[in-house]
Amino acid sequence: MKLRIEDDTLRLRLSGSEIQEFATTGRVASTVHFGTTAEQQLTYALQRGSEAPETAAITEPVQVHYEPGSITVLVPFDLAKLWVETDQNGFTHDLPLPENQRLRILVEKDLDCHH
């Protein structure tokens, strides 16, 4: 999975096998190691929400969970299912941030990728 961060934009591009893993397990993750310890790495993931009705009350369709060493993009079940099961190449969402800022999230299929 490719990660691109530029200004207030976060972009994930998944290969065909990563899309299959996401479809099957509901999560796909990659890690970049910057050193020899666990504190010196960044794990980034795409995770599908559950079908449970209580998740329907979430105010934003796509969310980001950040903590040191980890970024997870959370996608509602229905949006993930539509994206995986159709020819839809990707989806985007502008997540409101404090002080009138927005984080633009893009998730795309990288089907020409051969890694």
PDB file of N, CA and C in Angstrom:
ATOM      1  N   MET A   1       0.856  -1.168   0.000  1.00  0.00           N
ATOM      2  CA  MET A   1       0.000   0.000   0.000  1.00  0.00           C
ATOM      3  C   MET A   1       0.900   1.229   0.000  1.00  0.00           C
ATOM      4  N   LYS A   2       0.569   2.153  -0.832  1.00  0.00           N
ATOM      5  CA  LYS A   2       1.326   3.389  -0.922  1.00  0.00           C
ATOM      6  C   LYS A   2       0.652   4.464  -0.073  1.00  0.00           C
ATOM      7  N   LEU A   3       1.467   5.225   0.618  1.00  0.00           N
ATOM      8  CA  LEU A   3       0.996   6.344   1.425  1.00  0.00           C
ATOM      9  C   LEU A   3       1.639   7.612   0.892  1.00  0.00           C
ATOM     10  N   ARG A   4       0.811   8.618   0.692  1.00  0.00           N
ATOM     11  CA  ARG A   4       1.337   9.926   0.305  1.00  0.00           C
ATOM     12  C   ARG A   4       0.711  10.956   1.223  1.00  0.00           C
ATOM     13  N   ILE A   5       1.554  11.753   1.838  1.00  0.00           N
ATOM     14  CA  ILE A   5       1.086  12.834   2.711  1.00  0.00           C
ATOM     15  C   ILE A   5       1.664  14.127   2.160  1.00  0.00           C
ATOM     16  N   GLU A   6       0.783  15.068   1.895  1.00  0.00           N
ATOM     17  CA  GLU A   6       1.222  16.371   1.415  1.00  0.00           C
ATOM     18  C   GLU A   6       0.281  17.418   1.982  1.00  0.00           C
ATOM     19  N   ASP A   7       0.843  18.371   2.724  1.00  0.00           N
ATOM     20  CA  ASP A   7       0.040  19.383   3.393  1.00  0.00           C
ATOM     21  C   ASP A   7      -1.083  18.695   4.168  1.00  0.00           C
ATOM     22  N   ASP A   8      -2.320  19.053   3.936  1.00  0.00           N
ATOM     23  CA  ASP A   8      -3.446  18.430   4.643  1.00  0.00           C
ATOM     24  C   ASP A   8      -4.158  17.427   3.743  1.00  0.00           C
ATOM     25  N   THR A   9      -3.389  16.611   3.058  1.00  0.00           N
ATOM     26  CA  THR A   9      -3.934  15.557   2.210  1.00  0.00           C
ATOM     27  C   THR A   9      -3.263  14.236   2.560  1.00  0.00           C
ATOM     28  N   LEU A  10      -4.081  13.216   2.747  1.00  0.00           N
ATOM     29  CA  LEU A  10      -3.617  11.862   3.042  1.00  0.00           C
ATOM     30  C   LEU A  10      -4.169  10.955   1.955  1.00  0.00           C
ATOM     31  N   ARG A  11      -3.272  10.271   1.238  1.00  0.00           N
ATOM     32  CA  ARG A  11      -3.694   9.440   0.102  1.00  0.00           C
ATOM     33  C   ARG A  11      -3.158   8.022   0.272  1.00  0.00           C
ATOM     34  N   LEU A  12      -4.048   7.040   0.160  1.00  0.00           N
ATOM     35  CA  LEU A  12      -3.679   5.629   0.182  1.00  0.00           C
ATOM     36  C   LEU A  12      -4.008   5.023  -1.170  1.00  0.00           C
ATOM     37  N   ARG A  13      -3.064   4.245  -1.730  1.00  0.00           N
ATOM     38  CA  ARG A  13      -3.300   3.525  -2.983  1.00  0.00           C
ATOM     39  C   ARG A  13      -3.015   2.055  -2.732  1.00  0.00           C
ATOM     40  N   LEU A  14      -4.000   1.213  -3.033  1.00  0.00           N
ATOM     41  CA  LEU A  14      -3.897  -0.216  -2.763  1.00  0.00           C
ATOM     42  C   LEU A  14      -3.768  -1.018  -4.049  1.00  0.00           C
ATOM     43  N   SER A  15      -2.878  -2.006  -4.024  1.00  0.00           N
ATOM     44  CA  SER A  15      -2.721  -2.930  -5.149  1.00  0.00           C
ATOM     45  C   SER A  15      -3.896  -3.910  -5.148  1.00  0.00           C
ATOM     46  N   GLY A  16      -3.995  -4.709  -6.197  1.00  0.00           N
ATOM     47  CA  GLY A  16      -5.066  -5.700  -6.294  1.00  0.00           C
ATOM     48  C   GLY A  16      -5.066  -6.674  -5.131  1.00  0.00           C
ATOM     49  N   SER A  17      -3.895  -7.168  -4.733  1.00  0.00           N
ATOM     50  CA  SER A  17      -3.837  -8.126  -3.613  1.00  0.00           C
ATOM     51  C   SER A  17      -4.189  -7.458  -2.291  1.00  0.00           C
ATOM     52  N   GLU A  18      -3.841  -6.197  -2.133  1.00  0.00           N
ATOM     53  CA  GLU A  18      -4.205  -5.475  -0.910  1.00  0.00           C
ATOM     54  C   GLU A  18      -5.710  -5.218  -0.853  1.00  0.00           C
ATOM     55  N   ILE A  19      -6.310  -4.957  -2.001  1.00  0.00           N
ATOM     56  CA  ILE A  19      -7.768  -4.781  -2.044  1.00  0.00           C
ATOM     57  C   ILE A  19      -8.453  -6.083  -1.649  1.00  0.00           C
ATOM     58  N   GLN A  20      -7.935  -7.209  -2.137  1.00  0.00           N
ATOM     59  CA  GLN A  20      -8.492  -8.519  -1.762  1.00  0.00           C
ATOM     60  C   GLN A  20      -8.360  -8.774  -0.261  1.00  0.00           C
ATOM     61  N   GLU A  21      -7.203  -8.441   0.298  1.00  0.00           N
ATOM     62  CA  GLU A  21      -7.006  -8.604   1.747  1.00  0.00           C
ATOM     63  C   GLU A  21      -7.986  -7.736   2.530  1.00  0.00           C
ATOM     64  N   PHE A  22      -8.166  -6.503   2.086  1.00  0.00           N
ATOM     65  CA  PHE A  22      -9.114  -5.590   2.726  1.00  0.00           C
ATOM     66  C   PHE A  22     -10.533  -6.138   2.628  1.00  0.00           C
ATOM     67  N   ALA A  23     -10.900  -6.662   1.449  1.00  0.00           N
ATOM     68  CA  ALA A  23     -12.240  -7.223   1.254  1.00  0.00           C
ATOM     69  C   ALA A  23     -12.476  -8.418   2.164  1.00  0.00           C
ATOM     70  N   THR A  24     -11.451  -9.238   2.356  1.00  0.00           N
ATOM     71  CA  THR A  24     -11.578 -10.470   3.146  1.00  0.00           C
ATOM     72  C   THR A  24     -11.520 -10.223   4.640  1.00  0.00           C
ATOM     73  N   THR A  25     -10.556  -9.404   5.074  1.00  0.00           N
ATOM     74  CA  THR A  25     -10.318  -9.241   6.513  1.00  0.00           C
ATOM     75  C   THR A  25     -10.854  -7.942   7.093  1.00  0.00           C
ATOM     76  N   GLY A  26     -11.106  -6.958   6.233  1.00  0.00           N
ATOM     77  CA  GLY A  26     -11.565  -5.662   6.718  1.00  0.00           C
ATOM     78  C   GLY A  26     -10.441  -4.732   7.129  1.00  0.00           C
ATOM     79  N   ARG A  27      -9.194  -5.161   6.909  1.00  0.00           N
ATOM     80  CA  ARG A  27      -8.054  -4.323   7.287  1.00  0.00           C
ATOM     81  C   ARG A  27      -6.846  -4.692   6.430  1.00  0.00           C
ATOM     82  N   VAL A  28      -6.103  -3.674   6.057  1.00  0.00           N
ATOM     83  CA  VAL A  28      -4.813  -3.874   5.405  1.00  0.00           C
ATOM     84  C   VAL A  28      -3.882  -2.815   5.990  1.00  0.00           C
ATOM     85  N   ALA A  29      -2.646  -3.220   6.280  1.00  0.00           N
ATOM     86  CA  ALA A  29      -1.693  -2.307   6.908  1.00  0.00           C
ATOM     87  C   ALA A  29      -0.309  -2.502   6.318  1.00  0.00           C
ATOM     88  N   SER A  30       0.477  -1.438   6.377  1.00  0.00           N
ATOM     89  CA  SER A  30       1.877  -1.467   5.968  1.00  0.00           C
ATOM     90  C   SER A  30       2.687  -0.722   7.018  1.00  0.00           C
ATOM     91  N   THR A  31       3.960  -1.046   7.094  1.00  0.00           N
ATOM     92  CA  THR A  31       4.834  -0.412   8.082  1.00  0.00           C
ATOM     93  C   THR A  31       6.111   0.069   7.407  1.00  0.00           C
ATOM     94  N   VAL A  32       6.522   1.272   7.778  1.00  0.00           N
ATOM     95  CA  VAL A  32       7.798   1.833   7.355  1.00  0.00           C
ATOM     96  C   VAL A  32       8.696   1.845   8.578  1.00  0.00           C
ATOM     97  N   HIS A  33       9.866   1.223   8.457  1.00  0.00           N
ATOM     98  CA  HIS A  33      10.824   1.169   9.569  1.00  0.00           C
ATOM     99  C   HIS A  33      11.877   2.258   9.381  1.00  0.00           C
ATOM    100  N   PHE A  34      12.055   3.072  10.414  1.00  0.00           N
ATOM    101  CA  PHE A  34      13.047   4.141  10.363  1.00  0.00           C
ATOM    102  C   PHE A  34      14.264   3.816  11.223  1.00  0.00           C
ATOM    103  N   GLY A  35      14.190   2.749  11.973  1.00  0.00           N
ATOM    104  CA  GLY A  35      15.280   2.352  12.856  1.00  0.00           C
ATOM    105  C   GLY A  35      15.048   0.941  13.340  1.00  0.00           C
ATOM    106  N   THR A  36      15.750   0.564  14.378  1.00  0.00           N
ATOM    107  CA  THR A  36      15.731  -0.828  14.840  1.00  0.00           C
ATOM    108  C   THR A  36      14.706  -1.116  15.931  1.00  0.00           C
ATOM    109  N   THR A  37      14.036  -0.089  16.453  1.00  0.00           N
ATOM    110  CA  THR A  37      13.066  -0.326  17.527  1.00  0.00           C
ATOM    111  C   THR A  37      11.651  -0.050  17.042  1.00  0.00           C
ATOM    112  N   ALA A  38      10.686  -0.562  17.791  1.00  0.00           N
ATOM    113  CA  ALA A  38       9.272  -0.367  17.440  1.00  0.00           C
ATOM    114  C   ALA A  38       8.873   1.106  17.466  1.00  0.00           C
ATOM    115  N   GLU A  39       9.554   1.903  18.266  1.00  0.00           N
ATOM    116  CA  GLU A  39       9.243   3.340  18.329  1.00  0.00           C
ATOM    117  C   GLU A  39       9.708   4.076  17.079  1.00  0.00           C
ATOM    118  N   GLN A  40      10.524   3.426  16.281  1.00  0.00           N
ATOM    119  CA  GLN A  40      11.065   4.056  15.089  1.00  0.00           C
ATOM    120  C   GLN A  40      10.414   3.500  13.826  1.00  0.00           C
ATOM    121  N   GLN A  41       9.103   3.372  13.874  1.00  0.00           N
ATOM    122  CA  GLN A  41       8.371   2.895  12.705  1.00  0.00           C
ATOM    123  C   GLN A  41       7.023   3.597  12.628  1.00  0.00           C
ATOM    124  N   LEU A  42       6.461   3.591  11.446  1.00  0.00           N
ATOM    125  CA  LEU A  42       5.133   4.139  11.211  1.00  0.00           C
ATOM    126  C   LEU A  42       4.299   3.064  10.543  1.00  0.00           C
ATOM    127  N   THR A  43       3.183   2.715  11.165  1.00  0.00           N
ATOM    128  CA  THR A  43       2.229   1.780  10.569  1.00  0.00           C
ATOM    129  C   THR A  43       1.039   2.582  10.090  1.00  0.00           C
ATOM    130  N   TYR A  44       0.659   2.352   8.840  1.00  0.00           N
ATOM    131  CA  TYR A  44      -0.524   3.013   8.296  1.00  0.00           C
ATOM    132  C   TYR A  44      -1.464   1.932   7.789  1.00  0.00           C
ATOM    133  N   ALA A  45      -2.768   2.162   8.010  1.00  0.00           N
ATOM    134  CA  ALA A  45      -3.747   1.112   7.729  1.00  0.00           C
ATOM    135  C   ALA A  45      -5.035   1.700   7.174  1.00  0.00           C
ATOM    136  N   LEU A  46      -5.751   0.830   6.457  1.00  0.00           N
ATOM    137  CA  LEU A  46      -7.112   1.101   6.020  1.00  0.00           C
ATOM    138  C   LEU A  46      -7.968   0.052   6.698  1.00  0.00           C
ATOM    139  N   GLN A  47      -9.000   0.505   7.397  1.00  0.00           N
ATOM    140  CA  GLN A  47      -9.839  -0.425   8.168  1.00  0.00           C
ATOM    141  C   GLN A  47     -11.308  -0.157   7.897  1.00  0.00           C
ATOM    142  N   ARG A  48     -12.036  -1.244   7.705  1.00  0.00           N
ATOM    143  CA  ARG A  48     -13.481  -1.178   7.453  1.00  0.00           C
ATOM    144  C   ARG A  48     -14.225  -1.211   8.775  1.00  0.00           C
ATOM    145  N   GLY A  49     -15.296  -0.432   8.860  1.00  0.00           N
ATOM    146  CA  GLY A  49     -16.169  -0.479  10.025  1.00  0.00           C
ATOM    147  C   GLY A  49     -17.036  -1.727   9.977  1.00  0.00           C
ATOM    148  N   SER A  50     -17.769  -1.950  11.029  1.00  0.00           N
ATOM    149  CA  SER A  50     -18.639  -3.127  11.089  1.00  0.00           C
ATOM    150  C   SER A  50     -20.004  -2.798  10.492  1.00  0.00           C
ATOM    151  N   GLU A  51     -20.819  -3.841  10.321  1.00  0.00           N
ATOM    152  CA  GLU A  51     -22.179  -3.661   9.825  1.00  0.00           C
ATOM    153  C   GLU A  51     -23.134  -3.249  10.933  1.00  0.00           C
ATOM    154  N   ALA A  52     -22.651  -3.208  12.163  1.00  0.00           N
ATOM    155  CA  ALA A  52     -23.508  -2.950  13.325  1.00  0.00           C
ATOM    156  C   ALA A  52     -24.235  -1.611  13.196  1.00  0.00           C
ATOM    157  N   PRO A  53     -25.510  -1.564  13.546  1.00  0.00           N
ATOM    158  CA  PRO A  53     -26.294  -0.330  13.403  1.00  0.00           C
ATOM    159  C   PRO A  53     -25.726   0.848  14.180  1.00  0.00           C
ATOM    160  N   GLU A  54     -25.050   0.588  15.310  1.00  0.00           N
ATOM    161  CA  GLU A  54     -24.538   1.713  16.100  1.00  0.00           C
ATOM    162  C   GLU A  54     -23.449   2.482  15.362  1.00  0.00           C
ATOM    163  N   THR A  55     -22.794   1.864  14.389  1.00  0.00           N
ATOM    164  CA  THR A  55     -21.771   2.588  13.633  1.00  0.00           C
ATOM    165  C   THR A  55     -22.399   3.517  12.598  1.00  0.00           C
ATOM    166  N   ALA A  56     -23.671   3.373  12.325  1.00  0.00           N
ATOM    167  CA  ALA A  56     -24.350   4.245  11.363  1.00  0.00           C
ATOM    168  C   ALA A  56     -24.492   5.663  11.902  1.00  0.00           C
ATOM    169  N   ALA A  57     -24.354   5.833  13.214  1.00  0.00           N
ATOM    170  CA  ALA A  57     -24.518   7.143  13.822  1.00  0.00           C
ATOM    171  C   ALA A  57     -23.240   7.987  13.747  1.00  0.00           C
ATOM    172  N   ILE A  58     -22.167   7.459  13.184  1.00  0.00           N
ATOM    173  CA  ILE A  58     -20.922   8.210  13.062  1.00  0.00           C
ATOM    174  C   ILE A  58     -21.180   9.447  12.201  1.00  0.00           C
ATOM    175  N   THR A  59     -20.676  10.600  12.644  1.00  0.00           N
ATOM    176  CA  THR A  59     -20.980  11.844  11.940  1.00  0.00           C
ATOM    177  C   THR A  59     -20.197  12.012  10.648  1.00  0.00           C
ATOM    178  N   GLU A  60     -19.013  11.480  10.546  1.00  0.00           N
ATOM    179  CA  GLU A  60     -18.221  11.596   9.328  1.00  0.00           C
ATOM    180  C   GLU A  60     -18.138  10.242   8.644  1.00  0.00           C
ATOM    181  N   PRO A  61     -18.315  10.186   7.317  1.00  0.00           N
ATOM    182  CA  PRO A  61     -18.268   8.913   6.614  1.00  0.00           C
ATOM    183  C   PRO A  61     -16.883   8.248   6.648  1.00  0.00           C
ATOM    184  N   VAL A  62     -15.835   9.040   6.658  1.00  0.00           N
ATOM    185  CA  VAL A  62     -14.476   8.512   6.729  1.00  0.00           C
ATOM    186  C   VAL A  62     -13.785   9.224   7.882  1.00  0.00           C
ATOM    187  N   GLN A  63     -13.047   8.467   8.666  1.00  0.00           N
ATOM    188  CA  GLN A  63     -12.363   9.053   9.815  1.00  0.00           C
ATOM    189  C   GLN A  63     -10.902   8.644   9.796  1.00  0.00           C
ATOM    190  N   VAL A  64     -10.094   9.372  10.541  1.00  0.00           N
ATOM    191  CA  VAL A  64      -8.682   9.042  10.702  1.00  0.00           C
ATOM    192  C   VAL A  64      -8.391   8.953  12.187  1.00  0.00           C
ATOM    193  N   HIS A  65      -7.739   7.865  12.565  1.00  0.00           N
ATOM    194  CA  HIS A  65      -7.286   7.705  13.938  1.00  0.00           C
ATOM    195  C   HIS A  65      -5.766   7.804  13.920  1.00  0.00           C
ATOM    196  N   TYR A  66      -5.236   8.764  14.657  1.00  0.00           N
ATOM    197  CA  TYR A  66      -3.796   8.963  14.703  1.00  0.00           C
ATOM    198  C   TYR A  66      -3.293   8.833  16.126  1.00  0.00           C
ATOM    199  N   GLU A  67      -2.203   8.130  16.276  1.00  0.00           N
ATOM    200  CA  GLU A  67      -1.434   8.132  17.512  1.00  0.00           C
ATOM    201  C   GLU A  67       0.016   7.962  17.088  1.00  0.00           C
ATOM    202  N   PRO A  68       0.961   8.328  17.932  1.00  0.00           N
ATOM    203  CA  PRO A  68       2.365   8.228  17.516  1.00  0.00           C
ATOM    204  C   PRO A  68       2.698   6.833  16.974  1.00  0.00           C
ATOM    205  N   GLY A  69       3.230   6.818  15.771  1.00  0.00           N
ATOM    206  CA  GLY A  69       3.621   5.565  15.133  1.00  0.00           C
ATOM    207  C   GLY A  69       2.512   4.859  14.388  1.00  0.00           C
ATOM    208  N   SER A  70       1.305   5.464  14.316  1.00  0.00           N
ATOM    209  CA  SER A  70       0.181   4.763  13.693  1.00  0.00           C
ATOM    210  C   SER A  70      -0.848   5.738  13.123  1.00  0.00           C
ATOM    211  N   ILE A  71      -1.235   5.486  11.873  1.00  0.00           N
ATOM    212  CA  ILE A  71      -2.321   6.221  11.217  1.00  0.00           C
ATOM    213  C   ILE A  71      -3.280   5.175  10.661  1.00  0.00           C
ATOM    214  N   THR A  72      -4.567   5.278  11.026  1.00  0.00           N
ATOM    215  CA  THR A  72      -5.571   4.367  10.503  1.00  0.00           C
ATOM    216  C   THR A  72      -6.710   5.166   9.881  1.00  0.00           C
ATOM    217  N   VAL A  73      -7.007   4.867   8.625  1.00  0.00           N
ATOM    218  CA  VAL A  73      -8.162   5.461   7.951  1.00  0.00           C
ATOM    219  C   VAL A  73      -9.313   4.486   8.148  1.00  0.00           C
ATOM    220  N   LEU A  74     -10.388   4.965   8.766  1.00  0.00           N
ATOM    221  CA  LEU A  74     -11.567   4.146   9.066  1.00  0.00           C
ATOM    222  C   LEU A  74     -12.664   4.453   8.069  1.00  0.00           C
ATOM    223  N   VAL A  75     -13.176   3.405   7.420  1.00  0.00           N
ATOM    224  CA  VAL A  75     -14.170   3.549   6.361  1.00  0.00           C
ATOM    225  C   VAL A  75     -15.437   2.805   6.769  1.00  0.00           C
ATOM    226  N   PRO A  76     -16.607   3.416   6.645  1.00  0.00           N
ATOM    227  CA  PRO A  76     -17.851   2.714   6.955  1.00  0.00           C
ATOM    228  C   PRO A  76     -18.019   1.457   6.098  1.00  0.00           C
ATOM    229  N   PHE A  77     -18.673   0.467   6.650  1.00  0.00           N
ATOM    230  CA  PHE A  77     -18.851  -0.829   5.998  1.00  0.00           C
ATOM    231  C   PHE A  77     -19.438  -0.683   4.599  1.00  0.00           C
ATOM    232  N   ASP A  78     -20.526   0.074   4.461  1.00  0.00           N
ATOM    233  CA  ASP A  78     -21.205   0.193   3.161  1.00  0.00           C
ATOM    234  C   ASP A  78     -20.325   0.848   2.096  1.00  0.00           C
ATOM    235  N   LEU A  79     -19.584   1.879   2.479  1.00  0.00           N
ATOM    236  CA  LEU A  79     -18.692   2.531   1.528  1.00  0.00           C
ATOM    237  C   LEU A  79     -17.563   1.585   1.116  1.00  0.00           C
ATOM    238  N   ALA A  80     -17.004   0.851   2.072  1.00  0.00           N
ATOM    239  CA  ALA A  80     -15.940  -0.110   1.770  1.00  0.00           C
ATOM    240  C   ALA A  80     -16.447  -1.200   0.834  1.00  0.00           C
ATOM    241  N   LYS A  81     -17.626  -1.706   1.102  1.00  0.00           N
ATOM    242  CA  LYS A  81     -18.215  -2.771   0.282  1.00  0.00           C
ATOM    243  C   LYS A  81     -18.437  -2.278  -1.153  1.00  0.00           C
ATOM    244  N   LEU A  82     -19.005  -1.108  -1.306  1.00  0.00           N
ATOM    245  CA  LEU A  82     -19.243  -0.530  -2.631  1.00  0.00           C
ATOM    246  C   LEU A  82     -17.925  -0.363  -3.385  1.00  0.00           C
ATOM    247  N   TRP A  83     -16.914   0.157  -2.723  1.00  0.00           N
ATOM    248  CA  TRP A  83     -15.621   0.405  -3.362  1.00  0.00           C
ATOM    249  C   TRP A  83     -14.954  -0.901  -3.805  1.00  0.00           C
ATOM    250  N   VAL A  84     -14.989  -1.916  -2.961  1.00  0.00           N
ATOM    251  CA  VAL A  84     -14.333  -3.194  -3.256  1.00  0.00           C
ATOM    252  C   VAL A  84     -15.066  -3.964  -4.349  1.00  0.00           C
ATOM    253  N   GLU A  85     -16.397  -3.931  -4.338  1.00  0.00           N
ATOM    254  CA  GLU A  85     -17.191  -4.787  -5.215  1.00  0.00           C
ATOM    255  C   GLU A  85     -17.568  -4.160  -6.553  1.00  0.00           C
ATOM    256  N   THR A  86     -17.162  -2.932  -6.795  1.00  0.00           N
ATOM    257  CA  THR A  86     -17.516  -2.267  -8.050  1.00  0.00           C
ATOM    258  C   THR A  86     -16.254  -1.791  -8.770  1.00  0.00           C
ATOM    259  N   ASP A  87     -16.466  -1.187  -9.927  1.00  0.00           N
ATOM    260  CA  ASP A  87     -15.360  -0.609 -10.691  1.00  0.00           C
ATOM    261  C   ASP A  87     -14.963   0.774 -10.182  1.00  0.00           C
ATOM    262  N   GLN A  88     -15.598   1.235  -9.124  1.00  0.00           N
ATOM    263  CA  GLN A  88     -15.276   2.544  -8.552  1.00  0.00           C
ATOM    264  C   GLN A  88     -13.792   2.556  -8.183  1.00  0.00           C
ATOM    265  N   ASN A  89     -13.035   3.477  -8.773  1.00  0.00           N
ATOM    266  CA  ASN A  89     -11.587   3.512  -8.557  1.00  0.00           C
ATOM    267  C   ASN A  89     -11.210   3.989  -7.158  1.00  0.00           C
ATOM    268  N   GLY A  90     -11.976   4.908  -6.606  1.00  0.00           N
ATOM    269  CA  GLY A  90     -11.604   5.434  -5.302  1.00  0.00           C
ATOM    270  C   GLY A  90     -12.709   6.269  -4.701  1.00  0.00           C
ATOM    271  N   PHE A  91     -12.390   6.824  -3.566  1.00  0.00           N
ATOM    272  CA  PHE A  91     -13.314   7.747  -2.910  1.00  0.00           C
ATOM    273  C   PHE A  91     -12.494   8.788  -2.176  1.00  0.00           C
ATOM    274  N   THR A  92     -13.134   9.900  -1.913  1.00  0.00           N
ATOM    275  CA  THR A  92     -12.477  11.004  -1.230  1.00  0.00           C
ATOM    276  C   THR A  92     -13.414  11.581  -0.181  1.00  0.00           C
ATOM    277  N   HIS A  93     -12.821  12.158   0.829  1.00  0.00           N
ATOM    278  CA  HIS A  93     -13.613  12.797   1.882  1.00  0.00           C
ATOM    279  C   HIS A  93     -12.795  13.925   2.488  1.00  0.00           C
ATOM    280  N   ASP A  94     -13.447  15.041   2.731  1.00  0.00           N
ATOM    281  CA  ASP A  94     -12.808  16.154   3.433  1.00  0.00           C
ATOM    282  C   ASP A  94     -13.258  16.129   4.878  1.00  0.00           C
ATOM    283  N   LEU A  95     -12.350  15.809   5.767  1.00  0.00           N
ATOM    284  CA  LEU A  95     -12.636  15.700   7.188  1.00  0.00           C
ATOM    285  C   LEU A  95     -12.409  17.054   7.847  1.00  0.00           C
ATOM    286  N   PRO A  96     -13.449  17.633   8.472  1.00  0.00           N
ATOM    287  CA  PRO A  96     -13.276  18.934   9.129  1.00  0.00           C
ATOM    288  C   PRO A  96     -12.296  18.833  10.297  1.00  0.00           C
ATOM    289  N   LEU A  97     -11.450  19.847  10.411  1.00  0.00           N
ATOM    290  CA  LEU A  97     -10.487  19.952  11.492  1.00  0.00           C
ATOM    291  C   LEU A  97     -10.731  21.265  12.229  1.00  0.00           C
ATOM    292  N   PRO A  98     -10.115  21.441  13.385  1.00  0.00           N
ATOM    293  CA  PRO A  98     -10.267  22.725  14.091  1.00  0.00           C
ATOM    294  C   PRO A  98      -9.749  23.893  13.247  1.00  0.00           C
ATOM    295  N   GLU A  99     -10.210  25.079  13.582  1.00  0.00           N
ATOM    296  CA  GLU A  99      -9.770  26.332  12.956  1.00  0.00           C
ATOM    297  C   GLU A  99     -10.035  26.366  11.454  1.00  0.00           C
ATOM    298  N   ASN A 100     -11.190  25.853  11.037  1.00  0.00           N
ATOM    299  CA  ASN A 100     -11.626  25.881   9.638  1.00  0.00           C
ATOM    300  C   ASN A 100     -10.679  25.169   8.675  1.00  0.00           C
ATOM    301  N   GLN A 101      -9.900  24.219   9.159  1.00  0.00           N
ATOM    302  CA  GLN A 101      -9.044  23.438   8.284  1.00  0.00           C
ATOM    303  C   GLN A 101      -9.751  22.142   7.928  1.00  0.00           C
ATOM    304  N   ARG A 102      -9.242  21.468   6.891  1.00  0.00           N
ATOM    305  CA  ARG A 102      -9.805  20.195   6.450  1.00  0.00           C
ATOM    306  C   ARG A 102      -8.661  19.252   6.092  1.00  0.00           C
ATOM    307  N   LEU A 103      -8.860  17.986   6.416  1.00  0.00           N
ATOM    308  CA  LEU A 103      -7.935  16.939   5.986  1.00  0.00           C
ATOM    309  C   LEU A 103      -8.602  16.226   4.823  1.00  0.00           C
ATOM    310  N   ARG A 104      -7.982  16.272   3.668  1.00  0.00           N
ATOM    311  CA  ARG A 104      -8.514  15.593   2.485  1.00  0.00           C
ATOM    312  C   ARG A 104      -7.981  14.166   2.491  1.00  0.00           C
ATOM    313  N   ILE A 105      -8.893  13.196   2.448  1.00  0.00           N
ATOM    314  CA  ILE A 105      -8.538  11.788   2.464  1.00  0.00           C
ATOM    315  C   ILE A 105      -8.914  11.199   1.114  1.00  0.00           C
ATOM    316  N   LEU A 106      -7.946  10.543   0.470  1.00  0.00           N
ATOM    317  CA  LEU A 106      -8.196   9.861  -0.800  1.00  0.00           C
ATOM    318  C   LEU A 106      -7.777   8.408  -0.639  1.00  0.00           C
ATOM    319  N   VAL A 107      -8.635   7.510  -1.081  1.00  0.00           N
ATOM    320  CA  VAL A 107      -8.321   6.077  -1.095  1.00  0.00           C
ATOM    321  C   VAL A 107      -8.590   5.595  -2.515  1.00  0.00           C
ATOM    322  N   GLU A 108      -7.576   4.961  -3.122  1.00  0.00           N
ATOM    323  CA  GLU A 108      -7.685   4.600  -4.527  1.00  0.00           C
ATOM    324  C   GLU A 108      -7.164   3.193  -4.789  1.00  0.00           C
ATOM    325  N   LYS A 109      -7.694   2.603  -5.846  1.00  0.00           N
ATOM    326  CA  LYS A 109      -7.184   1.336  -6.351  1.00  0.00           C
ATOM    327  C   LYS A 109      -5.981   1.644  -7.233  1.00  0.00           C
ATOM    328  N   ASP A 110      -4.902   0.928  -7.018  1.00  0.00           N
ATOM    329  CA  ASP A 110      -3.684   1.083  -7.804  1.00  0.00           C
ATOM    330  C   ASP A 110      -3.490  -0.194  -8.607  1.00  0.00           C
ATOM    331  N   LEU A 111      -4.385  -0.440  -9.554  1.00  0.00           N
ATOM    332  CA  LEU A 111      -4.432  -1.725 -10.242  1.00  0.00           C
ATOM    333  C   LEU A 111      -3.337  -1.906 -11.274  1.00  0.00           C
ATOM    334  N   ASP A 112      -2.642  -0.843 -11.635  1.00  0.00           N
ATOM    335  CA  ASP A 112      -1.518  -0.973 -12.562  1.00  0.00           C
ATOM    336  C   ASP A 112      -0.238  -1.321 -11.807  1.00  0.00           C
ATOM    337  N   CYS A 113      -0.315  -1.328 -10.484  1.00  0.00           N
ATOM    338  CA  CYS A 113       0.853  -1.593  -9.643  1.00  0.00           C
ATOM    339  C   CYS A 113       1.176  -3.085  -9.652  1.00  0.00           C
ATOM    340  N   HIS A 114       2.453  -3.413  -9.775  1.00  0.00           N
ATOM    341  CA  HIS A 114       2.880  -4.822  -9.830  1.00  0.00           C
ATOM    342  C   HIS A 114       3.890  -5.151  -8.760  1.00  0.00           C
ATOM    343  N   HIS A 115       3.573  -4.807  -7.498  1.00  0.00           N
ATOM    344  CA  HIS A 115       4.507  -5.161  -6.406  1.00  0.00           C
ATOM    345  C   HIS A 115       3.890  -6.118  -5.444  1.00  0.00           C
TER     346      HIS A 115
END
